[in-house]
N, C-alpha and C. Protein backbone atom coordinates (compact mmCIF):
# COMPACT_ATOMS: atom_id res chain seq x y z
N UNK A 1 115.63 126.04 54.76
CA UNK A 1 116.52 127.20 54.88
C UNK A 1 116.85 127.70 53.48
N UNK A 2 116.89 128.99 53.30
CA UNK A 2 117.17 129.59 52.00
C UNK A 2 118.67 129.62 51.75
N UNK A 3 119.02 129.94 50.49
CA UNK A 3 120.43 129.99 50.11
C UNK A 3 121.19 131.03 50.91
N UNK A 4 120.53 132.08 51.35
CA UNK A 4 121.21 133.15 52.11
C UNK A 4 121.41 132.78 53.57
N UNK A 5 120.95 131.58 53.98
CA UNK A 5 121.13 131.16 55.36
C UNK A 5 119.95 131.49 56.25
N UNK A 6 118.94 132.14 55.73
CA UNK A 6 117.78 132.48 56.53
C UNK A 6 116.78 131.33 56.52
N UNK A 7 116.06 131.17 57.63
CA UNK A 7 115.04 130.13 57.74
C UNK A 7 113.82 130.57 56.96
N UNK A 8 113.30 129.68 56.14
CA UNK A 8 112.16 130.02 55.31
C UNK A 8 110.89 130.17 56.14
N UNK A 9 109.94 130.99 55.68
CA UNK A 9 108.66 131.16 56.40
C UNK A 9 107.94 129.84 56.63
N UNK A 10 108.06 128.90 55.69
CA UNK A 10 107.39 127.61 55.86
C UNK A 10 107.93 126.84 57.04
N UNK A 11 109.26 126.85 57.20
CA UNK A 11 109.88 126.16 58.34
C UNK A 11 109.47 126.82 59.64
N UNK A 12 109.48 128.16 59.66
CA UNK A 12 109.07 128.89 60.87
C UNK A 12 107.64 128.53 61.24
N UNK A 13 106.77 128.46 60.23
CA UNK A 13 105.37 128.13 60.48
C UNK A 13 105.22 126.74 61.07
N UNK A 14 105.99 125.78 60.53
CA UNK A 14 105.90 124.42 61.04
C UNK A 14 106.40 124.34 62.48
N UNK A 15 107.48 125.10 62.78
CA UNK A 15 108.01 125.09 64.15
C UNK A 15 107.00 125.69 65.13
N UNK A 16 106.35 126.77 64.72
CA UNK A 16 105.34 127.38 65.58
C UNK A 16 104.18 126.43 65.81
N UNK A 17 103.77 125.73 64.76
CA UNK A 17 102.67 124.78 64.90
C UNK A 17 103.04 123.66 65.86
N UNK A 18 104.29 123.20 65.78
CA UNK A 18 104.74 122.14 66.67
C UNK A 18 104.75 122.61 68.12
N UNK A 19 105.20 123.85 68.35
CA UNK A 19 105.20 124.41 69.70
C UNK A 19 103.78 124.52 70.25
N UNK A 20 102.84 124.92 69.40
CA UNK A 20 101.45 125.03 69.83
C UNK A 20 100.88 123.66 70.19
N UNK A 21 101.23 122.64 69.41
CA UNK A 21 100.76 121.28 69.71
C UNK A 21 101.32 120.80 71.04
N UNK A 22 102.62 121.05 71.27
CA UNK A 22 103.24 120.64 72.53
C UNK A 22 102.59 121.37 73.71
N UNK A 23 102.36 122.68 73.53
CA UNK A 23 101.73 123.45 74.61
C UNK A 23 100.33 122.94 74.89
N UNK A 24 99.58 122.60 73.84
CA UNK A 24 98.21 122.11 74.03
C UNK A 24 98.22 120.77 74.76
N UNK A 25 99.19 119.89 74.40
CA UNK A 25 99.27 118.59 75.05
C UNK A 25 99.62 118.73 76.52
N UNK A 26 100.44 119.73 76.85
CA UNK A 26 100.87 119.91 78.23
C UNK A 26 99.84 120.65 79.07
N UNK A 27 99.36 121.79 78.55
CA UNK A 27 98.47 122.63 79.34
C UNK A 27 96.98 122.26 79.20
N UNK A 28 96.62 121.56 78.13
CA UNK A 28 95.22 121.23 77.91
C UNK A 28 94.60 120.43 79.04
N UNK A 29 95.18 119.26 79.40
CA UNK A 29 94.61 118.48 80.50
C UNK A 29 94.60 119.24 81.82
N UNK A 30 95.66 120.04 82.06
CA UNK A 30 95.72 120.81 83.29
C UNK A 30 94.59 121.83 83.35
N UNK A 31 94.39 122.51 82.23
CA UNK A 31 93.31 123.49 82.19
C UNK A 31 91.95 122.86 82.35
N UNK A 32 91.76 121.69 81.73
CA UNK A 32 90.49 120.98 81.86
C UNK A 32 90.24 120.54 83.30
N UNK A 33 91.30 120.06 83.94
CA UNK A 33 91.15 119.64 85.34
C UNK A 33 90.75 120.81 86.23
N UNK A 34 91.43 121.95 86.04
CA UNK A 34 91.08 123.12 86.85
C UNK A 34 89.65 123.58 86.57
N UNK A 35 89.27 123.54 85.29
CA UNK A 35 87.91 123.98 84.93
C UNK A 35 86.87 123.08 85.59
N UNK A 36 87.08 121.76 85.55
CA UNK A 36 86.11 120.85 86.12
C UNK A 36 86.13 120.89 87.64
N UNK A 37 87.31 121.17 88.22
CA UNK A 37 87.42 121.18 89.69
C UNK A 37 86.82 122.44 90.29
N UNK A 38 87.12 123.58 89.67
CA UNK A 38 86.68 124.85 90.26
C UNK A 38 85.53 125.51 89.51
N UNK A 39 85.16 124.98 88.37
CA UNK A 39 84.13 125.64 87.57
C UNK A 39 82.72 125.17 87.83
N UNK A 40 82.54 124.28 88.82
CA UNK A 40 81.20 123.84 89.15
C UNK A 40 80.61 122.88 88.12
N UNK A 41 81.47 122.20 87.38
CA UNK A 41 80.97 121.25 86.39
C UNK A 41 80.36 120.06 87.11
N UNK A 42 79.17 119.67 86.69
CA UNK A 42 78.43 118.64 87.41
C UNK A 42 78.71 117.23 86.90
N UNK A 43 79.54 117.09 85.84
CA UNK A 43 79.80 115.77 85.30
C UNK A 43 80.67 114.97 86.25
N UNK A 44 80.25 113.73 86.52
CA UNK A 44 81.02 112.81 87.34
C UNK A 44 81.02 111.46 86.63
N UNK A 45 82.14 110.79 86.52
CA UNK A 45 82.16 109.49 85.82
C UNK A 45 81.21 108.51 86.48
N UNK A 46 80.40 107.83 85.68
CA UNK A 46 79.46 106.87 86.23
C UNK A 46 80.17 105.65 86.80
N UNK A 47 81.34 105.36 86.27
CA UNK A 47 82.08 104.21 86.74
C UNK A 47 83.23 104.65 87.63
N UNK A 48 83.00 105.66 88.47
CA UNK A 48 84.04 106.17 89.34
C UNK A 48 84.50 105.12 90.33
N UNK A 49 85.73 105.27 90.79
CA UNK A 49 86.29 104.28 91.70
C UNK A 49 86.29 104.80 93.14
N UNK A 50 85.79 106.01 93.38
CA UNK A 50 85.78 106.53 94.72
C UNK A 50 84.74 105.78 95.57
N UNK A 51 85.00 105.73 96.87
CA UNK A 51 84.10 105.05 97.79
C UNK A 51 83.13 106.01 98.46
N UNK A 52 83.44 107.29 98.43
CA UNK A 52 82.53 108.29 98.97
C UNK A 52 81.62 108.83 97.89
N UNK A 53 80.73 109.74 98.29
CA UNK A 53 79.81 110.38 97.36
C UNK A 53 80.36 111.74 96.97
N UNK A 54 80.70 111.92 95.68
CA UNK A 54 81.20 113.20 95.20
C UNK A 54 80.06 114.21 95.11
N UNK A 55 80.33 115.44 95.50
CA UNK A 55 79.35 116.49 95.29
C UNK A 55 79.32 116.84 93.80
N UNK A 56 78.18 117.28 93.32
CA UNK A 56 78.07 117.66 91.92
C UNK A 56 78.86 118.92 91.63
N UNK A 57 79.09 119.75 92.65
CA UNK A 57 79.93 120.95 92.52
C UNK A 57 80.60 121.18 93.86
N UNK A 58 81.88 121.56 93.84
CA UNK A 58 82.59 121.81 95.09
C UNK A 58 81.90 122.93 95.85
N UNK A 59 81.98 122.84 97.17
CA UNK A 59 81.26 123.78 98.02
C UNK A 59 82.24 124.41 99.02
N UNK A 60 82.61 125.68 98.86
CA UNK A 60 83.56 126.30 99.80
C UNK A 60 82.99 126.36 101.21
N UNK A 61 83.82 126.01 102.18
CA UNK A 61 83.45 126.13 103.59
C UNK A 61 84.12 127.39 104.12
N UNK A 62 83.34 128.37 104.60
CA UNK A 62 83.93 129.63 105.01
C UNK A 62 84.80 129.49 106.26
N UNK A 63 85.75 130.39 106.38
CA UNK A 63 86.56 130.42 107.59
C UNK A 63 85.70 130.89 108.75
N UNK A 64 86.00 130.38 109.95
CA UNK A 64 85.18 130.73 111.11
C UNK A 64 85.93 130.39 112.40
N UNK A 65 85.63 131.14 113.43
CA UNK A 65 86.11 130.82 114.78
C UNK A 65 84.98 130.08 115.49
N UNK A 66 85.19 128.79 115.74
CA UNK A 66 84.18 127.98 116.41
C UNK A 66 84.63 127.65 117.83
N UNK A 67 83.69 127.61 118.78
CA UNK A 67 84.06 127.30 120.17
C UNK A 67 84.66 125.89 120.27
N UNK A 68 85.60 125.75 121.20
CA UNK A 68 86.21 124.45 121.47
C UNK A 68 85.90 124.04 122.91
N UNK A 69 85.80 122.75 123.19
CA UNK A 69 85.41 122.30 124.53
C UNK A 69 86.39 122.71 125.62
N UNK A 70 87.67 122.84 125.29
CA UNK A 70 88.66 123.21 126.28
C UNK A 70 88.73 124.72 126.49
N UNK A 71 87.86 125.44 125.80
CA UNK A 71 87.85 126.90 125.90
C UNK A 71 88.49 127.54 124.69
N UNK A 72 88.14 128.79 124.46
CA UNK A 72 88.67 129.49 123.31
C UNK A 72 87.97 129.06 122.04
N UNK A 73 88.54 129.44 120.93
CA UNK A 73 87.95 129.12 119.63
C UNK A 73 89.01 128.58 118.68
N UNK A 74 88.55 127.97 117.61
CA UNK A 74 89.47 127.52 116.57
C UNK A 74 90.07 128.73 115.85
N UNK A 75 91.18 128.51 115.18
CA UNK A 75 91.69 129.53 114.28
C UNK A 75 90.74 129.64 113.08
N UNK A 76 90.55 130.83 112.52
CA UNK A 76 89.61 130.97 111.40
C UNK A 76 89.90 130.00 110.25
N UNK A 77 91.17 129.71 110.00
CA UNK A 77 91.54 128.85 108.87
C UNK A 77 91.81 127.41 109.30
N UNK A 78 91.11 126.94 110.34
CA UNK A 78 91.42 125.60 110.84
C UNK A 78 91.02 124.50 109.85
N UNK A 79 90.20 124.81 108.87
CA UNK A 79 89.85 123.85 107.82
C UNK A 79 90.62 124.13 106.53
N UNK A 80 91.78 124.73 106.65
CA UNK A 80 92.63 125.03 105.51
C UNK A 80 93.99 124.35 105.69
N UNK A 81 94.74 124.32 104.60
CA UNK A 81 96.16 123.92 104.57
C UNK A 81 96.39 122.41 104.65
N UNK A 82 95.42 121.64 105.12
CA UNK A 82 95.53 120.18 105.14
C UNK A 82 94.22 119.58 104.66
N UNK A 83 94.27 118.34 104.22
CA UNK A 83 93.04 117.61 103.93
C UNK A 83 92.35 117.29 105.25
N UNK A 84 91.06 117.46 105.29
CA UNK A 84 90.31 117.29 106.54
C UNK A 84 89.27 116.18 106.41
N UNK A 85 89.30 115.26 107.36
CA UNK A 85 88.22 114.30 107.56
C UNK A 85 87.39 114.82 108.72
N UNK A 86 86.24 115.39 108.43
CA UNK A 86 85.40 116.01 109.45
C UNK A 86 84.25 115.07 109.79
N UNK A 87 84.14 114.72 111.06
CA UNK A 87 83.07 113.83 111.53
C UNK A 87 82.01 114.68 112.21
N UNK A 88 80.77 114.53 111.77
CA UNK A 88 79.68 115.32 112.31
C UNK A 88 78.89 114.58 113.38
N UNK A 89 78.60 115.28 114.47
CA UNK A 89 77.81 114.71 115.57
C UNK A 89 76.74 115.72 115.95
N UNK A 90 75.48 115.31 115.91
CA UNK A 90 74.40 116.22 116.31
C UNK A 90 73.74 115.78 117.61
N UNK A 91 74.18 114.63 118.15
CA UNK A 91 73.65 114.16 119.42
C UNK A 91 74.83 113.80 120.32
N UNK A 92 74.61 112.97 121.31
CA UNK A 92 75.70 112.52 122.15
C UNK A 92 76.61 111.59 121.37
N UNK A 93 77.88 111.61 121.70
CA UNK A 93 78.84 110.73 121.04
C UNK A 93 78.77 109.36 121.71
N UNK A 94 78.00 108.45 121.09
CA UNK A 94 77.81 107.12 121.65
C UNK A 94 78.95 106.19 121.22
N UNK A 95 78.75 104.89 121.44
CA UNK A 95 79.80 103.92 121.10
C UNK A 95 80.12 103.93 119.62
N UNK A 96 79.08 104.07 118.78
CA UNK A 96 79.31 104.12 117.33
C UNK A 96 80.14 105.32 116.96
N UNK A 97 79.83 106.46 117.56
CA UNK A 97 80.59 107.69 117.31
C UNK A 97 82.05 107.51 117.71
N UNK A 98 82.27 106.97 118.92
CA UNK A 98 83.64 106.79 119.40
C UNK A 98 84.42 105.86 118.48
N UNK A 99 83.76 104.80 117.97
CA UNK A 99 84.43 103.88 117.06
C UNK A 99 84.76 104.57 115.74
N UNK A 100 83.84 105.41 115.25
CA UNK A 100 84.09 106.11 113.99
C UNK A 100 85.28 107.05 114.11
N UNK A 101 85.37 107.76 115.23
CA UNK A 101 86.51 108.65 115.44
C UNK A 101 87.80 107.85 115.52
N UNK A 102 87.75 106.71 116.20
CA UNK A 102 88.93 105.84 116.27
C UNK A 102 89.32 105.36 114.87
N UNK A 103 88.33 105.04 114.04
CA UNK A 103 88.62 104.60 112.67
C UNK A 103 89.27 105.71 111.86
N UNK A 104 88.78 106.93 112.00
CA UNK A 104 89.36 108.05 111.25
C UNK A 104 90.79 108.32 111.69
N UNK A 105 91.05 108.22 112.98
CA UNK A 105 92.42 108.39 113.47
C UNK A 105 93.32 107.29 112.91
N UNK A 106 92.80 106.06 112.84
CA UNK A 106 93.58 104.94 112.30
C UNK A 106 93.86 105.15 110.81
N UNK A 107 92.88 105.70 110.08
CA UNK A 107 93.08 106.00 108.66
C UNK A 107 94.22 106.99 108.50
N UNK A 108 94.20 108.03 109.30
CA UNK A 108 95.27 109.04 109.22
C UNK A 108 96.63 108.42 109.51
N UNK A 109 96.71 107.60 110.55
CA UNK A 109 97.98 106.98 110.91
C UNK A 109 98.46 106.01 109.82
N UNK A 110 97.52 105.38 109.12
CA UNK A 110 97.88 104.43 108.08
C UNK A 110 98.50 105.11 106.86
N UNK A 111 98.37 106.43 106.77
CA UNK A 111 98.96 107.16 105.66
C UNK A 111 100.47 107.32 105.80
N UNK A 112 100.99 106.91 106.96
CA UNK A 112 102.44 106.94 107.21
C UNK A 112 103.02 108.34 107.00
N UNK A 113 103.92 108.50 106.05
CA UNK A 113 104.61 109.79 105.89
C UNK A 113 103.68 110.89 105.41
N UNK A 114 102.51 110.53 104.91
CA UNK A 114 101.55 111.54 104.46
C UNK A 114 100.55 111.94 105.53
N UNK A 115 100.65 111.37 106.73
CA UNK A 115 99.63 111.67 107.72
C UNK A 115 99.65 113.12 108.17
N UNK A 116 100.80 113.80 108.04
CA UNK A 116 100.86 115.21 108.40
C UNK A 116 100.02 116.08 107.46
N UNK A 117 99.66 115.53 106.30
CA UNK A 117 98.86 116.28 105.33
C UNK A 117 97.36 116.18 105.62
N UNK A 118 97.00 115.40 106.63
CA UNK A 118 95.59 115.13 106.91
C UNK A 118 95.30 115.41 108.39
N UNK A 119 94.13 115.96 108.67
CA UNK A 119 93.69 116.15 110.04
C UNK A 119 92.29 115.56 110.22
N UNK A 120 91.99 115.17 111.46
CA UNK A 120 90.67 114.68 111.82
C UNK A 120 90.01 115.72 112.70
N UNK A 121 88.80 116.14 112.33
CA UNK A 121 88.04 117.14 113.07
C UNK A 121 86.69 116.54 113.44
N UNK A 122 86.31 116.71 114.70
CA UNK A 122 84.96 116.34 115.13
C UNK A 122 84.19 117.62 115.37
N UNK A 123 83.10 117.79 114.64
CA UNK A 123 82.26 118.97 114.77
C UNK A 123 80.93 118.52 115.36
N UNK A 124 80.66 118.93 116.57
CA UNK A 124 79.46 118.45 117.25
C UNK A 124 78.70 119.55 117.95
N UNK A 125 77.55 119.17 118.46
CA UNK A 125 76.71 120.09 119.23
C UNK A 125 77.06 119.93 120.70
N UNK A 126 77.48 121.00 121.34
CA UNK A 126 77.89 120.94 122.74
C UNK A 126 76.70 120.48 123.60
N UNK A 127 76.96 119.65 124.60
CA UNK A 127 78.24 119.00 124.94
C UNK A 127 78.27 117.56 124.47
N UNK A 128 78.31 117.37 123.15
CA UNK A 128 78.21 116.01 122.59
C UNK A 128 79.37 115.12 122.94
N UNK A 129 80.57 115.71 123.12
CA UNK A 129 81.78 114.90 122.97
C UNK A 129 82.68 114.93 124.19
N UNK A 130 82.09 114.90 125.38
CA UNK A 130 82.90 114.98 126.59
C UNK A 130 83.89 113.83 126.66
N UNK A 131 83.48 112.65 126.20
CA UNK A 131 84.36 111.48 126.26
C UNK A 131 85.55 111.60 125.32
N UNK A 132 85.44 112.47 124.32
CA UNK A 132 86.54 112.61 123.36
C UNK A 132 87.60 113.61 123.82
N UNK A 133 87.27 114.40 124.83
CA UNK A 133 88.23 115.41 125.27
C UNK A 133 89.50 114.77 125.84
N UNK A 134 89.33 113.66 126.56
CA UNK A 134 90.51 112.96 127.08
C UNK A 134 91.35 112.42 125.93
N UNK A 135 90.68 111.94 124.90
CA UNK A 135 91.39 111.44 123.72
C UNK A 135 92.16 112.57 123.04
N UNK A 136 91.56 113.74 122.98
CA UNK A 136 92.23 114.87 122.35
C UNK A 136 93.49 115.25 123.12
N UNK A 137 93.45 115.11 124.44
CA UNK A 137 94.63 115.42 125.25
C UNK A 137 95.79 114.48 124.90
N UNK A 138 95.45 113.24 124.51
CA UNK A 138 96.48 112.28 124.12
C UNK A 138 96.91 112.46 122.67
N UNK A 139 96.01 112.98 121.85
CA UNK A 139 96.28 113.11 120.41
C UNK A 139 95.99 114.54 119.97
N UNK A 140 96.99 115.42 120.04
CA UNK A 140 96.77 116.83 119.67
C UNK A 140 96.37 117.03 118.21
N UNK A 141 96.57 116.00 117.36
CA UNK A 141 96.16 116.15 115.97
C UNK A 141 94.65 116.10 115.80
N UNK A 142 93.93 115.64 116.83
CA UNK A 142 92.46 115.59 116.79
C UNK A 142 91.91 116.94 117.23
N UNK A 143 91.03 117.52 116.41
CA UNK A 143 90.41 118.81 116.72
C UNK A 143 88.94 118.61 117.05
N UNK A 144 88.51 119.15 118.20
CA UNK A 144 87.10 119.14 118.59
C UNK A 144 86.58 120.57 118.54
N UNK A 145 85.43 120.75 117.92
CA UNK A 145 84.83 122.08 117.84
C UNK A 145 83.32 121.94 117.95
N UNK A 146 82.69 122.99 118.46
CA UNK A 146 81.24 123.00 118.59
C UNK A 146 80.60 123.69 117.39
N UNK A 147 79.50 123.13 116.95
CA UNK A 147 78.78 123.69 115.80
C UNK A 147 77.80 124.75 116.26
N UNK A 148 78.29 125.68 117.07
CA UNK A 148 77.45 126.79 117.50
C UNK A 148 78.31 128.05 117.61
N UNK A 149 77.74 129.12 118.07
CA UNK A 149 78.44 130.39 118.09
C UNK A 149 78.03 131.23 116.89
N UNK A 150 78.32 132.52 116.92
CA UNK A 150 77.85 133.42 115.86
C UNK A 150 78.42 133.14 114.48
N UNK A 151 79.58 132.48 114.40
CA UNK A 151 80.20 132.23 113.09
C UNK A 151 79.92 130.83 112.55
N UNK A 152 79.16 130.03 113.30
CA UNK A 152 78.92 128.65 112.88
C UNK A 152 77.91 128.49 111.74
N UNK A 153 76.81 129.28 111.67
CA UNK A 153 75.79 129.01 110.65
C UNK A 153 76.29 128.90 109.21
N UNK A 154 77.20 129.76 108.73
CA UNK A 154 77.68 129.58 107.35
C UNK A 154 78.45 128.27 107.14
N UNK A 155 79.16 127.83 108.18
CA UNK A 155 79.88 126.55 108.08
C UNK A 155 78.88 125.41 107.99
N UNK A 156 77.87 125.43 108.85
CA UNK A 156 76.85 124.39 108.84
C UNK A 156 76.11 124.38 107.51
N UNK A 157 75.81 125.56 106.99
CA UNK A 157 75.10 125.65 105.70
C UNK A 157 75.91 125.00 104.59
N UNK A 158 77.23 125.19 104.61
CA UNK A 158 78.08 124.62 103.56
C UNK A 158 78.15 123.10 103.65
N UNK A 159 77.96 122.56 104.85
CA UNK A 159 78.07 121.11 105.06
C UNK A 159 76.73 120.40 105.00
N UNK A 160 75.64 121.16 104.92
CA UNK A 160 74.31 120.55 104.92
C UNK A 160 74.06 119.85 103.59
N UNK A 161 73.62 118.61 103.67
CA UNK A 161 73.33 117.80 102.49
C UNK A 161 71.84 117.84 102.21
N UNK A 162 71.48 118.19 101.00
CA UNK A 162 70.06 118.26 100.66
C UNK A 162 69.39 119.45 101.30
N UNK A 163 68.10 119.31 101.55
CA UNK A 163 67.31 120.39 102.12
C UNK A 163 67.10 120.15 103.61
N UNK A 164 66.80 121.21 104.33
CA UNK A 164 66.48 121.07 105.74
C UNK A 164 67.66 121.31 106.64
N UNK A 165 67.53 120.84 107.88
CA UNK A 165 68.53 121.10 108.91
C UNK A 165 69.75 120.20 108.71
N UNK A 166 70.82 120.55 109.38
CA UNK A 166 72.07 119.79 109.34
C UNK A 166 71.87 118.48 110.09
N UNK A 167 71.84 117.40 109.38
CA UNK A 167 71.66 116.08 109.99
C UNK A 167 72.95 115.30 109.79
N UNK A 168 73.93 115.60 110.62
CA UNK A 168 75.29 115.17 110.34
C UNK A 168 75.70 113.88 111.01
N UNK A 169 74.97 113.43 112.03
CA UNK A 169 75.48 112.35 112.86
C UNK A 169 75.91 111.13 112.05
N UNK A 170 77.18 110.80 112.16
CA UNK A 170 77.73 109.64 111.48
C UNK A 170 78.32 109.92 110.13
N UNK A 171 78.10 111.10 109.58
CA UNK A 171 78.67 111.44 108.27
C UNK A 171 80.11 111.90 108.40
N UNK A 172 80.90 111.59 107.37
CA UNK A 172 82.27 112.07 107.29
C UNK A 172 82.37 112.97 106.07
N UNK A 173 82.90 114.17 106.27
CA UNK A 173 82.99 115.18 105.21
C UNK A 173 84.46 115.35 104.84
N UNK A 174 84.77 115.19 103.56
CA UNK A 174 86.15 115.38 103.08
C UNK A 174 86.30 116.79 102.53
N UNK A 175 87.22 117.55 103.13
CA UNK A 175 87.45 118.94 102.76
C UNK A 175 88.90 119.09 102.31
N UNK A 176 89.10 119.76 101.18
CA UNK A 176 90.46 119.89 100.65
C UNK A 176 91.21 121.02 101.35
N UNK A 177 92.54 121.13 101.13
CA UNK A 177 93.33 122.15 101.83
C UNK A 177 92.97 123.60 101.49
N UNK A 178 92.17 123.81 100.44
CA UNK A 178 91.73 125.16 100.10
C UNK A 178 90.44 125.50 100.84
N UNK A 179 89.82 124.50 101.45
CA UNK A 179 88.57 124.72 102.18
C UNK A 179 87.33 124.34 101.42
N UNK A 180 87.48 123.50 100.37
CA UNK A 180 86.34 123.06 99.58
C UNK A 180 85.83 121.71 100.07
N UNK A 181 84.53 121.64 100.33
CA UNK A 181 83.86 120.39 100.67
C UNK A 181 83.64 119.63 99.37
N UNK A 182 84.29 118.45 99.23
CA UNK A 182 84.30 117.73 97.97
C UNK A 182 83.48 116.45 97.97
N UNK A 183 83.49 115.73 99.09
CA UNK A 183 82.96 114.37 99.11
C UNK A 183 82.48 114.05 100.52
N UNK A 184 81.51 113.16 100.63
CA UNK A 184 81.09 112.73 101.96
C UNK A 184 80.88 111.22 101.98
N UNK A 185 80.95 110.68 103.19
CA UNK A 185 80.73 109.26 103.43
C UNK A 185 79.62 109.14 104.46
N UNK A 186 78.71 108.21 104.25
CA UNK A 186 77.64 107.97 105.20
C UNK A 186 78.15 107.22 106.42
N UNK A 187 77.27 107.01 107.42
CA UNK A 187 77.68 106.34 108.66
C UNK A 187 78.25 104.94 108.46
N UNK A 188 77.96 104.31 107.34
CA UNK A 188 78.47 102.95 107.10
C UNK A 188 79.81 102.95 106.37
N UNK A 189 80.53 104.06 106.41
CA UNK A 189 81.82 104.13 105.72
C UNK A 189 82.76 103.04 106.24
N UNK A 190 83.70 102.65 105.40
CA UNK A 190 84.70 101.67 105.80
C UNK A 190 86.08 102.32 105.82
N UNK A 191 86.90 101.86 106.72
CA UNK A 191 88.26 102.39 106.81
C UNK A 191 89.01 102.18 105.49
N UNK A 192 88.85 101.01 104.91
CA UNK A 192 89.57 100.71 103.68
C UNK A 192 89.14 101.64 102.55
N UNK A 193 87.83 101.92 102.45
CA UNK A 193 87.34 102.78 101.38
C UNK A 193 87.85 104.20 101.50
N UNK A 194 87.77 104.76 102.72
CA UNK A 194 88.24 106.13 102.92
C UNK A 194 89.75 106.21 102.71
N UNK A 195 90.48 105.23 103.21
CA UNK A 195 91.93 105.23 103.06
C UNK A 195 92.33 105.16 101.58
N UNK A 196 91.64 104.32 100.83
CA UNK A 196 91.94 104.19 99.39
C UNK A 196 91.72 105.51 98.67
N UNK A 197 90.60 106.18 98.96
CA UNK A 197 90.33 107.47 98.33
C UNK A 197 91.39 108.50 98.69
N UNK A 198 91.74 108.54 99.97
CA UNK A 198 92.72 109.53 100.43
C UNK A 198 94.09 109.29 99.79
N UNK A 199 94.49 108.05 99.73
CA UNK A 199 95.80 107.74 99.15
C UNK A 199 95.87 108.21 97.70
N UNK A 200 94.79 108.02 96.95
CA UNK A 200 94.76 108.48 95.56
C UNK A 200 94.81 110.00 95.49
N UNK A 201 94.03 110.66 96.33
CA UNK A 201 94.01 112.14 96.32
C UNK A 201 95.37 112.71 96.68
N UNK A 202 96.01 112.16 97.70
CA UNK A 202 97.31 112.67 98.12
C UNK A 202 98.38 112.43 97.07
N UNK A 203 98.22 111.33 96.34
CA UNK A 203 99.20 111.03 95.28
C UNK A 203 99.05 112.00 94.13
N UNK A 204 97.81 112.37 93.81
CA UNK A 204 97.56 113.24 92.66
C UNK A 204 97.69 114.71 93.00
N UNK A 205 97.50 115.06 94.27
CA UNK A 205 97.45 116.47 94.65
C UNK A 205 98.82 116.98 95.08
N UNK A 206 99.09 118.22 94.73
CA UNK A 206 100.31 118.88 95.17
C UNK A 206 100.02 119.89 96.27
N UNK A 207 98.76 119.97 96.70
CA UNK A 207 98.40 120.92 97.75
C UNK A 207 98.19 120.18 99.06
N UNK A 208 98.38 120.89 100.15
CA UNK A 208 98.19 120.28 101.45
C UNK A 208 99.34 119.36 101.86
């Protein structure tokens, strides 16, 4: 400070530099996270702790009205606002399918107070899932939809892994509350692995 009581330019410069450092420390990691999450960056840690397979780039799933077994269609944004565990069925829902759906429901329930942030969706080829309709009547949080109708192809395209047709039977697709397909689990997924991943995501995420 100068004799006249004014702050010297050097002090002002140091204060500005300190503010810039604080801002960089606060906003830098946030900006990097957003860039890597939404910018299609393909880098994934080789020693990741996730149990599912991360996509190299997030894949938006378009909104769509899909037919439901009880009649009518889903709301266009039915894959929005909550984290979604989507189970794919391209054939009849056999005993393995029924067990997988039961496991996904158990995973959701194990989240306790966070279970409202997660939904379980079964997307199948009609009439794959007649046995699940009774279950849906008991558990309204379970959504059944058919992978057909005029608005289905873009949804199927977003969920298709690799080249060729949608070969979904037994796969679990993790979709975030914005509608991005982020990660998938093969038919040999474990309840503990999926639950561990979800718990970490819900702890870190402020959405959904």
